[in-house]
Amino acid sequence: MLTTDKFPGWDRVDGSSVSETEIEEAFQAVMDHALRLEAASLSLRRRRKARWLAALVGVAAALFLFAVPYSAYRYVQTQQPEPVLAALQEYTTAQGEVREVLLPDGSKVVLNAESVLICPDRFGAERSVYLSGEAIFDVTASETEPFLVRTSDMTVRVHGTRFNVKAYFDDPQVTATLNRGSIAVWPNQSPERRVELQPEQFFAFDRATGSVIRGKVNSAEAMSWEGGNLCFRSESIYEIIRVIQRRYGVHVYLTTSRYDREKITARFVHGETVDELLDAICSVIPGMKYERTDEGIRIR
């Protein structure tokens, strides 16, 4: 847990000392910095995995130094004259781990492997959390207290619904998938590109091009990882390798570019081992083989 002891002055958060514009600008600066640090962390992770997690948690904690005080500021201005105190809760998952978290308002979050969730120990007028990784949110409905999921690249706003957010720092896209209810999603740098999603729709933000996509999706497949299953629909070999590494905690090295254009569709719903999964993939891609080494798995 991150407490106020680690942040001198936290107990003196008071909106009267700064303007809303200044806080918004500071918050945006931290979001921009988070994106740069997450990109740098990709290289660091390849060398020392444990240090990546510490750095990423630091980014999230820094973000909430602005996000939670901002919520406190809004609450102070509209609800009560006394400052709002908040301690931070930190939830993480390792490779191959899935974890369920109950938030202060009763909302449920299921964290996928290698994810970080930061939230205050109690919510004010705005329920705001920070995510790096992937999670399914089942949000307690409230017409007066919106719920926001913030990532380095996009923000999701809801009142009560169930949806999936995938925002791993080494993925080319950040996505939100809606199962029920409705959500609004927008890129942090372009809030005017806000998109309203209906059930069985997804939102994707491409980090390289800045493009936004909305389309139809099978939300049950997108969230099947919660039950230990893996579903791939027209996925590249690179995306599958990332999933394998997170799910099974093994390093996978691709030693050829022959499969760059391959798109793979497959479902694994019987608790397959990593070898069974790779055997199945090799059976549908001509010429693909893999071998185990002391360093991990090599695909050739």
C-alpha atoms as a PDB file:
ATOM      1  CA  MET A   1       0.000   0.000   0.000  1.00  0.00           C
ATOM      2  CA  LEU A   2       1.128   3.516  -0.766  1.00  0.00           C
ATOM      3  CA  THR A   3       0.279   5.793   2.151  1.00  0.00           C
ATOM      4  CA  THR A   4       0.325   9.511   2.766  1.00  0.00           C
ATOM      5  CA  ASP A   5       3.596   9.085   4.673  1.00  0.00           C
ATOM      6  CA  LYS A   6       5.393   8.664   1.352  1.00  0.00           C
ATOM      7  CA  PHE A   7       4.040  11.918  -0.015  1.00  0.00           C
ATOM      8  CA  PRO A   8       4.799  14.901   2.285  1.00  0.00           C
ATOM      9  CA  GLY A   9       2.001  17.428   2.222  1.00  0.00           C
ATOM     10  CA  TRP A  10      -0.633  14.936   1.064  1.00  0.00           C
ATOM     11  CA  ASP A  11      -2.749  15.664   4.116  1.00  0.00           C
ATOM     12  CA  ARG A  12      -2.833  19.330   3.118  1.00  0.00           C
ATOM     13  CA  VAL A  13      -4.454  18.804  -0.291  1.00  0.00           C
ATOM     14  CA  ASP A  14      -6.712  21.800  -0.763  1.00  0.00           C
ATOM     15  CA  GLY A  15      -8.153  23.099  -4.020  1.00  0.00           C
ATOM     16  CA  SER A  16      -8.021  26.695  -2.855  1.00  0.00           C
ATOM     17  CA  SER A  17      -4.258  26.911  -3.443  1.00  0.00           C
ATOM     18  CA  VAL A  18      -4.265  26.086  -7.163  1.00  0.00           C
ATOM     19  CA  SER A  19      -6.608  26.599 -10.064  1.00  0.00           C
ATOM     20  CA  GLU A  20      -8.440  23.838 -11.884  1.00  0.00           C
ATOM     21  CA  THR A  21      -6.532  24.729 -15.068  1.00  0.00           C
ATOM     22  CA  GLU A  22      -3.181  24.321 -13.301  1.00  0.00           C
ATOM     23  CA  ILE A  23      -4.172  20.928 -11.952  1.00  0.00           C
ATOM     24  CA  GLU A  24      -5.418  19.781 -15.365  1.00  0.00           C
ATOM     25  CA  GLU A  25      -2.136  20.890 -16.969  1.00  0.00           C
ATOM     26  CA  ALA A  26      -0.088  19.113 -14.308  1.00  0.00           C
ATOM     27  CA  PHE A  27      -2.146  15.968 -14.695  1.00  0.00           C
ATOM     28  CA  GLN A  28      -1.642  15.972 -18.475  1.00  0.00           C
ATOM     29  CA  ALA A  29       2.100  16.445 -18.023  1.00  0.00           C
ATOM     30  CA  VAL A  30       2.265  13.394 -15.769  1.00  0.00           C
ATOM     31  CA  MET A  31       0.255  11.340 -18.297  1.00  0.00           C
ATOM     32  CA  ASP A  32       2.710  12.313 -21.045  1.00  0.00           C
ATOM     33  CA  HIS A  33       5.635  11.421 -18.812  1.00  0.00           C
ATOM     34  CA  ALA A  34       4.031   8.065 -17.974  1.00  0.00           C
ATOM     35  CA  LEU A  35       3.906   7.149 -21.656  1.00  0.00           C
ATOM     36  CA  ARG A  36       7.596   7.941 -22.130  1.00  0.00           C
ATOM     37  CA  LEU A  37       8.588   5.950 -19.050  1.00  0.00           C
ATOM     38  CA  GLU A  38       6.490   2.960 -20.074  1.00  0.00           C
ATOM     39  CA  ALA A  39       8.173   2.925 -23.496  1.00  0.00           C
ATOM     40  CA  ALA A  40      11.588   3.089 -21.848  1.00  0.00           C
ATOM     41  CA  SER A  41      10.541   0.311 -19.481  1.00  0.00           C
ATOM     42  CA  LEU A  42      10.104  -2.094 -22.417  1.00  0.00           C
ATOM     43  CA  SER A  43      13.850  -2.131 -22.990  1.00  0.00           C
ATOM     44  CA  LEU A  44      14.514  -2.317 -19.268  1.00  0.00           C
ATOM     45  CA  ARG A  45      12.138  -5.247 -18.867  1.00  0.00           C
ATOM     46  CA  ARG A  46      14.047  -7.334 -21.383  1.00  0.00           C
ATOM     47  CA  ARG A  47      17.132  -7.000 -19.217  1.00  0.00           C
ATOM     48  CA  ARG A  48      15.762  -7.005 -15.684  1.00  0.00           C
ATOM     49  CA  LYS A  49      12.102  -7.919 -15.263  1.00  0.00           C
ATOM     50  CA  ALA A  50      11.837  -7.086 -11.578  1.00  0.00           C
ATOM     51  CA  ARG A  51      13.062  -3.518 -12.054  1.00  0.00           C
ATOM     52  CA  TRP A  52      10.363  -2.934 -14.689  1.00  0.00           C
ATOM     53  CA  LEU A  53       7.596  -3.513 -12.178  1.00  0.00           C
ATOM     54  CA  ALA A  54       9.112  -1.131  -9.667  1.00  0.00           C
ATOM     55  CA  ALA A  55       9.491   1.574 -12.326  1.00  0.00           C
ATOM     56  CA  LEU A  56       5.943   1.126 -13.569  1.00  0.00           C
ATOM     57  CA  VAL A  57       4.480   1.326 -10.092  1.00  0.00           C
ATOM     58  CA  GLY A  58       6.463   4.511  -9.645  1.00  0.00           C
ATOM     59  CA  VAL A  59       4.852   5.960 -12.757  1.00  0.00           C
ATOM     60  CA  ALA A  60       1.397   5.059 -11.507  1.00  0.00           C
ATOM     61  CA  ALA A  61       2.095   6.498  -8.081  1.00  0.00           C
ATOM     62  CA  ALA A  62       3.345   9.719  -9.623  1.00  0.00           C
ATOM     63  CA  LEU A  63       0.219   9.923 -11.716  1.00  0.00           C
ATOM     64  CA  PHE A  64      -2.011   9.633  -8.699  1.00  0.00           C
ATOM     65  CA  LEU A  65      -0.191  12.426  -6.940  1.00  0.00           C
ATOM     66  CA  PHE A  66      -2.175  14.542  -9.397  1.00  0.00           C
ATOM     67  CA  ALA A  67      -5.232  12.404 -10.154  1.00  0.00           C
ATOM     68  CA  VAL A  68      -6.389  11.849  -6.581  1.00  0.00           C
ATOM     69  CA  PRO A  69      -5.753  15.411  -5.408  1.00  0.00           C
ATOM     70  CA  TYR A  70      -7.747  16.581  -8.402  1.00  0.00           C
ATOM     71  CA  SER A  71     -10.684  14.428  -7.302  1.00  0.00           C
ATOM     72  CA  ALA A  72     -10.222  15.755  -3.786  1.00  0.00           C
ATOM     73  CA  TYR A  73     -10.201  19.292  -5.111  1.00  0.00           C
ATOM     74  CA  ARG A  74     -13.473  18.820  -6.976  1.00  0.00           C
ATOM     75  CA  TYR A  75     -15.044  17.211  -3.943  1.00  0.00           C
ATOM     76  CA  VAL A  76     -13.847  19.969  -1.594  1.00  0.00           C
ATOM     77  CA  GLN A  77     -15.209  22.670  -3.868  1.00  0.00           C
ATOM     78  CA  THR A  78     -18.653  21.114  -4.226  1.00  0.00           C
ATOM     79  CA  GLN A  79     -19.305  19.080  -1.089  1.00  0.00           C
ATOM     80  CA  GLN A  80     -17.489  20.127   2.059  1.00  0.00           C
ATOM     81  CA  PRO A  81     -15.033  22.713   3.380  1.00  0.00           C
ATOM     82  CA  GLU A  82     -12.490  20.262   4.832  1.00  0.00           C
ATOM     83  CA  PRO A  83      -9.695  18.697   2.710  1.00  0.00           C
ATOM     84  CA  VAL A  84     -10.191  15.098   1.584  1.00  0.00           C
ATOM     85  CA  LEU A  85      -7.534  12.622   2.648  1.00  0.00           C
ATOM     86  CA  ALA A  86      -6.706   9.589   0.540  1.00  0.00           C
ATOM     87  CA  ALA A  87      -4.201   6.748   0.771  1.00  0.00           C
ATOM     88  CA  LEU A  88      -3.267   4.760  -2.306  1.00  0.00           C
ATOM     89  CA  GLN A  89      -3.745   1.040  -2.798  1.00  0.00           C
ATOM     90  CA  GLU A  90      -1.449  -0.815  -5.181  1.00  0.00           C
ATOM     91  CA  TYR A  91      -2.399  -4.162  -6.759  1.00  0.00           C
ATOM     92  CA  THR A  92      -0.050  -6.110  -9.028  1.00  0.00           C
ATOM     93  CA  THR A  93       0.062  -9.482 -10.759  1.00  0.00           C
ATOM     94  CA  ALA A  94       3.046 -11.544 -11.837  1.00  0.00           C
ATOM     95  CA  GLN A  95       3.438 -13.649 -14.977  1.00  0.00           C
ATOM     96  CA  GLY A  96       0.770 -16.330 -15.139  1.00  0.00           C
ATOM     97  CA  GLU A  97      -1.268 -14.756 -12.305  1.00  0.00           C
ATOM     98  CA  VAL A  98      -4.906 -13.612 -12.397  1.00  0.00           C
ATOM     99  CA  ARG A  99      -6.173 -11.701  -9.369  1.00  0.00           C
ATOM    100  CA  GLU A 100      -9.559 -10.370  -8.261  1.00  0.00           C
ATOM    101  CA  VAL A 101      -9.717  -6.997  -6.492  1.00  0.00           C
ATOM    102  CA  LEU A 102     -12.692  -5.420  -4.705  1.00  0.00           C
ATOM    103  CA  LEU A 103     -12.677  -1.609  -4.861  1.00  0.00           C
ATOM    104  CA  PRO A 104     -13.971   0.702  -2.095  1.00  0.00           C
ATOM    105  CA  ASP A 105     -17.308   1.251  -3.860  1.00  0.00           C
ATOM    106  CA  GLY A 106     -17.958  -2.481  -4.323  1.00  0.00           C
ATOM    107  CA  SER A 107     -16.815  -2.568  -7.951  1.00  0.00           C
ATOM    108  CA  LYS A 108     -14.941  -5.729  -8.926  1.00  0.00           C
ATOM    109  CA  VAL A 109     -11.744  -5.815 -10.967  1.00  0.00           C
ATOM    110  CA  VAL A 110     -10.045  -8.941 -12.335  1.00  0.00           C
ATOM    111  CA  LEU A 111      -6.392  -8.276 -13.175  1.00  0.00           C
ATOM    112  CA  ASN A 112      -4.671 -10.255 -15.904  1.00  0.00           C
ATOM    113  CA  ALA A 113      -1.001 -11.258 -15.719  1.00  0.00           C
ATOM    114  CA  GLU A 114       1.680  -8.574 -15.434  1.00  0.00           C
ATOM    115  CA  SER A 115      -0.722  -5.772 -14.575  1.00  0.00           C
ATOM    116  CA  VAL A 116      -0.709  -2.857 -12.133  1.00  0.00           C
ATOM    117  CA  LEU A 117      -3.802  -1.173 -10.684  1.00  0.00           C
ATOM    118  CA  ILE A 118      -3.570   1.900  -8.455  1.00  0.00           C
ATOM    119  CA  CYS A 119      -6.616   3.357  -6.692  1.00  0.00           C
ATOM    120  CA  PRO A 120      -7.402   5.448  -3.590  1.00  0.00           C
ATOM    121  CA  ASP A 121      -8.581   3.657  -0.470  1.00  0.00           C
ATOM    122  CA  ARG A 122     -11.845   5.567  -0.749  1.00  0.00           C
ATOM    123  CA  PHE A 123     -13.518   7.492  -3.535  1.00  0.00           C
ATOM    124  CA  GLY A 124     -14.818  11.043  -3.560  1.00  0.00           C
ATOM    125  CA  ALA A 125     -17.163  12.616  -6.105  1.00  0.00           C
ATOM    126  CA  GLU A 126     -15.205  10.952  -8.892  1.00  0.00           C
ATOM    127  CA  ARG A 127     -14.095   7.314  -8.819  1.00  0.00           C
ATOM    128  CA  SER A 128     -10.745   7.239 -10.619  1.00  0.00           C
ATOM    129  CA  VAL A 129      -8.211   4.404 -11.001  1.00  0.00           C
ATOM    130  CA  TYR A 130      -4.987   3.923 -12.992  1.00  0.00           C
ATOM    131  CA  LEU A 131      -4.235   0.755 -14.988  1.00  0.00           C
ATOM    132  CA  SER A 132      -1.219  -0.585 -16.815  1.00  0.00           C
ATOM    133  CA  GLY A 133      -1.834  -4.064 -18.173  1.00  0.00           C
ATOM    134  CA  GLU A 134      -5.229  -5.709 -18.630  1.00  0.00           C
ATOM    135  CA  ALA A 135      -8.305  -5.925 -16.432  1.00  0.00           C
ATOM    136  CA  ILE A 136     -12.024  -6.651 -16.488  1.00  0.00           C
ATOM    137  CA  PHE A 137     -14.078  -4.065 -14.613  1.00  0.00           C
ATOM    138  CA  ASP A 138     -17.538  -4.781 -13.206  1.00  0.00           C
ATOM    139  CA  VAL A 139     -18.470  -1.307 -11.979  1.00  0.00           C
ATOM    140  CA  THR A 140     -21.101  -0.589  -9.337  1.00  0.00           C
ATOM    141  CA  ALA A 141     -23.729   1.696 -10.876  1.00  0.00           C
ATOM    142  CA  SER A 142     -23.945   5.332  -9.760  1.00  0.00           C
ATOM    143  CA  GLU A 143     -25.608   8.207 -11.600  1.00  0.00           C
ATOM    144  CA  THR A 144     -23.821  10.849  -9.521  1.00  0.00           C
ATOM    145  CA  GLU A 145     -20.319   9.358  -9.207  1.00  0.00           C
ATOM    146  CA  PRO A 146     -18.727   8.540 -12.589  1.00  0.00           C
ATOM    147  CA  PHE A 147     -16.021   5.874 -12.715  1.00  0.00           C
ATOM    148  CA  LEU A 148     -12.862   6.539 -14.735  1.00  0.00           C
ATOM    149  CA  VAL A 149     -10.147   4.116 -15.811  1.00  0.00           C
ATOM    150  CA  ARG A 150      -7.014   6.032 -16.802  1.00  0.00           C
ATOM    151  CA  THR A 151      -4.122   4.588 -18.802  1.00  0.00           C
ATOM    152  CA  SER A 152      -1.121   6.277 -20.384  1.00  0.00           C
ATOM    153  CA  ASP A 153      -2.969   6.607 -23.691  1.00  0.00           C
ATOM    154  CA  MET A 154      -6.723   6.620 -23.121  1.00  0.00           C
ATOM    155  CA  THR A 155      -9.457   7.188 -20.565  1.00  0.00           C
ATOM    156  CA  VAL A 156     -12.688   5.210 -20.054  1.00  0.00           C
ATOM    157  CA  ARG A 157     -15.686   6.820 -18.335  1.00  0.00           C
ATOM    158  CA  VAL A 158     -18.651   4.795 -17.059  1.00  0.00           C
ATOM    159  CA  HIS A 159     -21.491   4.932 -14.532  1.00  0.00           C
ATOM    160  CA  GLY A 160     -22.112   1.202 -14.145  1.00  0.00           C
ATOM    161  CA  THR A 161     -21.183  -1.567 -16.553  1.00  0.00           C
ATOM    162  CA  ARG A 162     -18.823  -4.455 -17.371  1.00  0.00           C
ATOM    163  CA  PHE A 163     -15.913  -4.010 -19.754  1.00  0.00           C
ATOM    164  CA  ASN A 164     -12.324  -5.016 -20.492  1.00  0.00           C
ATOM    165  CA  VAL A 165      -9.360  -2.637 -20.800  1.00  0.00           C
ATOM    166  CA  LYS A 166      -6.093  -3.817 -22.333  1.00  0.00           C
ATOM    167  CA  ALA A 167      -3.232  -1.353 -21.950  1.00  0.00           C
ATOM    168  CA  TYR A 168       0.070  -3.227 -21.737  1.00  0.00           C
ATOM    169  CA  PHE A 169       2.936  -0.815 -22.308  1.00  0.00           C
ATOM    170  CA  ASP A 170       4.541  -3.065 -24.964  1.00  0.00           C
ATOM    171  CA  ASP A 171       1.393  -3.579 -27.062  1.00  0.00           C
ATOM    172  CA  PRO A 172       0.980  -1.489 -30.232  1.00  0.00           C
ATOM    173  CA  GLN A 173      -2.693  -0.818 -29.428  1.00  0.00           C
ATOM    174  CA  VAL A 174      -4.690   0.092 -26.328  1.00  0.00           C
ATOM    175  CA  THR A 175      -8.235  -1.301 -26.361  1.00  0.00           C
ATOM    176  CA  ALA A 176     -11.514  -1.191 -24.469  1.00  0.00           C
ATOM    177  CA  THR A 177     -14.165  -3.884 -25.014  1.00  0.00           C
ATOM    178  CA  LEU A 178     -17.724  -3.513 -23.728  1.00  0.00           C
ATOM    179  CA  ASN A 179     -19.729  -6.467 -22.432  1.00  0.00           C
ATOM    180  CA  ARG A 180     -22.791  -4.688 -21.012  1.00  0.00           C
ATOM    181  CA  GLY A 181     -23.985  -1.158 -20.278  1.00  0.00           C
ATOM    182  CA  SER A 182     -22.296   1.740 -22.065  1.00  0.00           C
ATOM    183  CA  ILE A 183     -18.941   3.499 -21.837  1.00  0.00           C
ATOM    184  CA  ALA A 184     -17.249   6.554 -23.304  1.00  0.00           C
ATOM    185  CA  VAL A 185     -13.613   6.232 -24.423  1.00  0.00           C
ATOM    186  CA  TRP A 186     -11.165   8.810 -25.733  1.00  0.00           C
ATOM    187  CA  PRO A 187      -7.418   9.245 -26.342  1.00  0.00           C
ATOM    188  CA  ASN A 188      -5.831  11.329 -23.606  1.00  0.00           C
ATOM    189  CA  GLN A 189      -4.302  13.707 -26.147  1.00  0.00           C
ATOM    190  CA  SER A 190      -7.588  14.135 -28.079  1.00  0.00           C
ATOM    191  CA  PRO A 191     -10.609  14.198 -25.757  1.00  0.00           C
ATOM    192  CA  GLU A 192     -12.679  15.605 -28.621  1.00  0.00           C
ATOM    193  CA  ARG A 193     -12.402  12.177 -30.310  1.00  0.00           C
ATOM    194  CA  ARG A 194     -14.628  10.687 -27.633  1.00  0.00           C
ATOM    195  CA  VAL A 195     -16.448   7.514 -28.710  1.00  0.00           C
ATOM    196  CA  GLU A 196     -19.564   6.024 -27.101  1.00  0.00           C
ATOM    197  CA  LEU A 197     -19.593   2.218 -27.098  1.00  0.00           C
ATOM    198  CA  GLN A 198     -22.542  -0.143 -26.986  1.00  0.00           C
ATOM    199  CA  PRO A 199     -22.371  -3.816 -25.886  1.00  0.00           C
ATOM    200  CA  GLU A 200     -20.254  -6.036 -28.152  1.00  0.00           C
ATOM    201  CA  GLN A 201     -18.236  -3.105 -29.467  1.00  0.00           C
ATOM    202  CA  PHE A 202     -14.557  -2.276 -29.008  1.00  0.00           C
ATOM    203  CA  PHE A 203     -12.423   0.852 -29.122  1.00  0.00           C
ATOM    204  CA  ALA A 204      -8.770   0.680 -30.180  1.00  0.00           C
ATOM    205  CA  PHE A 205      -6.136   3.412 -30.118  1.00  0.00           C
ATOM    206  CA  ASP A 206      -3.011   2.835 -32.219  1.00  0.00           C
ATOM    207  CA  ARG A 207       0.018   4.177 -30.367  1.00  0.00           C
ATOM    208  CA  ALA A 208       2.159   4.542 -33.501  1.00  0.00           C
ATOM    209  CA  THR A 209      -0.311   6.307 -35.798  1.00  0.00           C
ATOM    210  CA  GLY A 210      -2.728   7.860 -33.310  1.00  0.00           C
ATOM    211  CA  SER A 211      -5.662   6.378 -35.224  1.00  0.00           C
ATOM    212  CA  VAL A 212      -8.886   5.347 -33.495  1.00  0.00           C
ATOM    213  CA  ILE A 213     -11.043   2.358 -34.431  1.00  0.00           C
ATOM    214  CA  ARG A 214     -14.501   1.330 -33.265  1.00  0.00           C
ATOM    215  CA  GLY A 215     -15.917  -2.040 -34.308  1.00  0.00           C
ATOM    216  CA  LYS A 216     -17.869  -5.123 -33.374  1.00  0.00           C
ATOM    217  CA  VAL A 217     -16.383  -7.829 -31.192  1.00  0.00           C
ATOM    218  CA  ASN A 218     -17.245 -11.000 -29.316  1.00  0.00           C
ATOM    219  CA  SER A 219     -16.787  -9.704 -25.779  1.00  0.00           C
ATOM    220  CA  ALA A 220     -16.939 -13.215 -24.309  1.00  0.00           C
ATOM    221  CA  GLU A 221     -13.840 -14.138 -26.310  1.00  0.00           C
ATOM    222  CA  ALA A 222     -12.063 -10.919 -25.370  1.00  0.00           C
ATOM    223  CA  MET A 223     -12.674 -11.630 -21.674  1.00  0.00           C
ATOM    224  CA  SER A 224     -12.167 -15.394 -21.798  1.00  0.00           C
ATOM    225  CA  TRP A 225      -8.758 -15.062 -20.128  1.00  0.00           C
ATOM    226  CA  GLU A 226     -10.625 -14.560 -16.839  1.00  0.00           C
ATOM    227  CA  GLY A 227     -11.526 -18.256 -16.910  1.00  0.00           C
ATOM    228  CA  GLY A 228      -8.063 -19.381 -17.966  1.00  0.00           C
ATOM    229  CA  ASN A 229      -8.819 -19.587 -21.686  1.00  0.00           C
ATOM    230  CA  LEU A 230      -6.990 -18.057 -24.635  1.00  0.00           C
ATOM    231  CA  CYS A 231      -8.754 -16.837 -27.777  1.00  0.00           C
ATOM    232  CA  PHE A 232      -6.912 -15.410 -30.777  1.00  0.00           C
ATOM    233  CA  ARG A 233      -8.747 -13.878 -33.729  1.00  0.00           C
ATOM    234  CA  SER A 234      -6.547 -12.871 -36.676  1.00  0.00           C
ATOM    235  CA  GLU A 235      -3.646 -12.157 -34.348  1.00  0.00           C
ATOM    236  CA  SER A 236      -0.023 -11.717 -35.395  1.00  0.00           C
ATOM    237  CA  ILE A 237       2.676 -14.058 -34.170  1.00  0.00           C
ATOM    238  CA  TYR A 238       4.084 -11.149 -32.143  1.00  0.00           C
ATOM    239  CA  GLU A 239       0.851 -10.670 -30.198  1.00  0.00           C
ATOM    240  CA  ILE A 240       0.653 -14.410 -29.535  1.00  0.00           C
ATOM    241  CA  ILE A 241       4.222 -14.444 -28.251  1.00  0.00           C
ATOM    242  CA  ARG A 242       3.440 -11.573 -25.858  1.00  0.00           C
ATOM    243  CA  VAL A 243       0.422 -13.479 -24.530  1.00  0.00           C
ATOM    244  CA  ILE A 244       2.444 -16.690 -24.127  1.00  0.00           C
ATOM    245  CA  GLN A 245       5.138 -14.892 -22.142  1.00  0.00           C
ATOM    246  CA  ARG A 246       2.620 -13.291 -19.789  1.00  0.00           C
ATOM    247  CA  ARG A 247       0.519 -16.413 -19.391  1.00  0.00           C
ATOM    248  CA  TYR A 248       3.218 -19.036 -18.952  1.00  0.00           C
ATOM    249  CA  GLY A 249       6.142 -16.979 -17.605  1.00  0.00           C
ATOM    250  CA  VAL A 250       8.573 -18.141 -20.267  1.00  0.00           C
ATOM    251  CA  HIS A 251      10.751 -16.144 -22.656  1.00  0.00           C
ATOM    252  CA  VAL A 252       9.968 -16.718 -26.341  1.00  0.00           C
ATOM    253  CA  TYR A 253      12.404 -15.699 -29.086  1.00  0.00           C
ATOM    254  CA  LEU A 254      11.350 -15.391 -32.730  1.00  0.00           C
ATOM    255  CA  THR A 255      14.421 -16.019 -34.876  1.00  0.00           C
ATOM    256  CA  THR A 256      12.879 -15.416 -38.302  1.00  0.00           C
ATOM    257  CA  SER A 257      10.692 -12.880 -40.093  1.00  0.00           C
ATOM    258  CA  ARG A 258       8.977 -15.490 -42.255  1.00  0.00           C
ATOM    259  CA  TYR A 259       5.779 -15.344 -40.210  1.00  0.00           C
ATOM    260  CA  ASP A 260       5.382 -11.564 -40.049  1.00  0.00           C
ATOM    261  CA  ARG A 261       2.310 -11.589 -42.301  1.00  0.00           C
ATOM    262  CA  GLU A 262       0.651 -14.636 -40.769  1.00  0.00           C
ATOM    263  CA  LYS A 263      -2.676 -14.091 -38.978  1.00  0.00           C
ATOM    264  CA  ILE A 264      -3.708 -16.777 -36.506  1.00  0.00           C
ATOM    265  CA  THR A 265      -7.189 -17.624 -35.229  1.00  0.00           C
ATOM    266  CA  ALA A 266      -7.397 -20.234 -32.476  1.00  0.00           C
ATOM    267  CA  ARG A 267      -9.134 -21.029 -29.186  1.00  0.00           C
ATOM    268  CA  PHE A 268      -7.564 -22.831 -26.239  1.00  0.00           C
ATOM    269  CA  VAL A 269     -10.175 -23.674 -23.624  1.00  0.00           C
ATOM    270  CA  HIS A 270      -8.893 -26.874 -22.020  1.00  0.00           C
ATOM    271  CA  GLY A 271      -5.980 -25.567 -19.978  1.00  0.00           C
ATOM    272  CA  GLU A 272      -3.377 -26.398 -22.613  1.00  0.00           C
ATOM    273  CA  THR A 273       0.295 -26.318 -21.675  1.00  0.00           C
ATOM    274  CA  VAL A 274       2.642 -23.991 -23.534  1.00  0.00           C
ATOM    275  CA  ASP A 275       3.937 -26.947 -25.563  1.00  0.00           C
ATOM    276  CA  GLU A 276       0.421 -27.997 -26.541  1.00  0.00           C
ATOM    277  CA  LEU A 277      -0.367 -24.443 -27.593  1.00  0.00           C
ATOM    278  CA  LEU A 278       2.787 -24.128 -29.687  1.00  0.00           C
ATOM    279  CA  ASP A 279       2.263 -27.568 -31.246  1.00  0.00           C
ATOM    280  CA  ALA A 280      -1.181 -26.440 -32.389  1.00  0.00           C
ATOM    281  CA  ILE A 281       0.123 -23.171 -33.842  1.00  0.00           C
ATOM    282  CA  CYS A 282       2.965 -24.936 -35.653  1.00  0.00           C
ATOM    283  CA  SER A 283       0.455 -27.350 -37.178  1.00  0.00           C
ATOM    284  CA  VAL A 284      -1.399 -24.523 -38.939  1.00  0.00           C
ATOM    285  CA  ILE A 285       1.624 -22.485 -40.083  1.00  0.00           C
ATOM    286  CA  PRO A 286       3.680 -24.390 -42.663  1.00  0.00           C
ATOM    287  CA  GLY A 287       7.312 -24.772 -41.724  1.00  0.00           C
ATOM    288  CA  MET A 288       7.064 -23.298 -38.225  1.00  0.00           C
ATOM    289  CA  LYS A 289       8.997 -25.142 -35.539  1.00  0.00           C
ATOM    290  CA  TYR A 290      10.096 -24.401 -31.994  1.00  0.00           C
ATOM    291  CA  GLU A 291      12.630 -25.713 -29.541  1.00  0.00           C
ATOM    292  CA  ARG A 292      13.270 -25.314 -25.838  1.00  0.00           C
ATOM    293  CA  THR A 293      16.628 -23.986 -24.661  1.00  0.00           C
ATOM    294  CA  ASP A 294      18.099 -22.927 -21.337  1.00  0.00           C
ATOM    295  CA  GLU A 295      17.044 -19.374 -22.172  1.00  0.00           C
ATOM    296  CA  GLY A 296      13.433 -20.204 -23.056  1.00  0.00           C
ATOM    297  CA  ILE A 297      11.680 -21.107 -26.312  1.00  0.00           C
ATOM    298  CA  ARG A 298      12.970 -20.352 -29.796  1.00  0.00           C
ATOM    299  CA  ILE A 299      10.627 -20.246 -32.781  1.00  0.00           C
ATOM    300  CA  ARG A 300      12.188 -20.788 -36.178  1.00  0.00           C
END
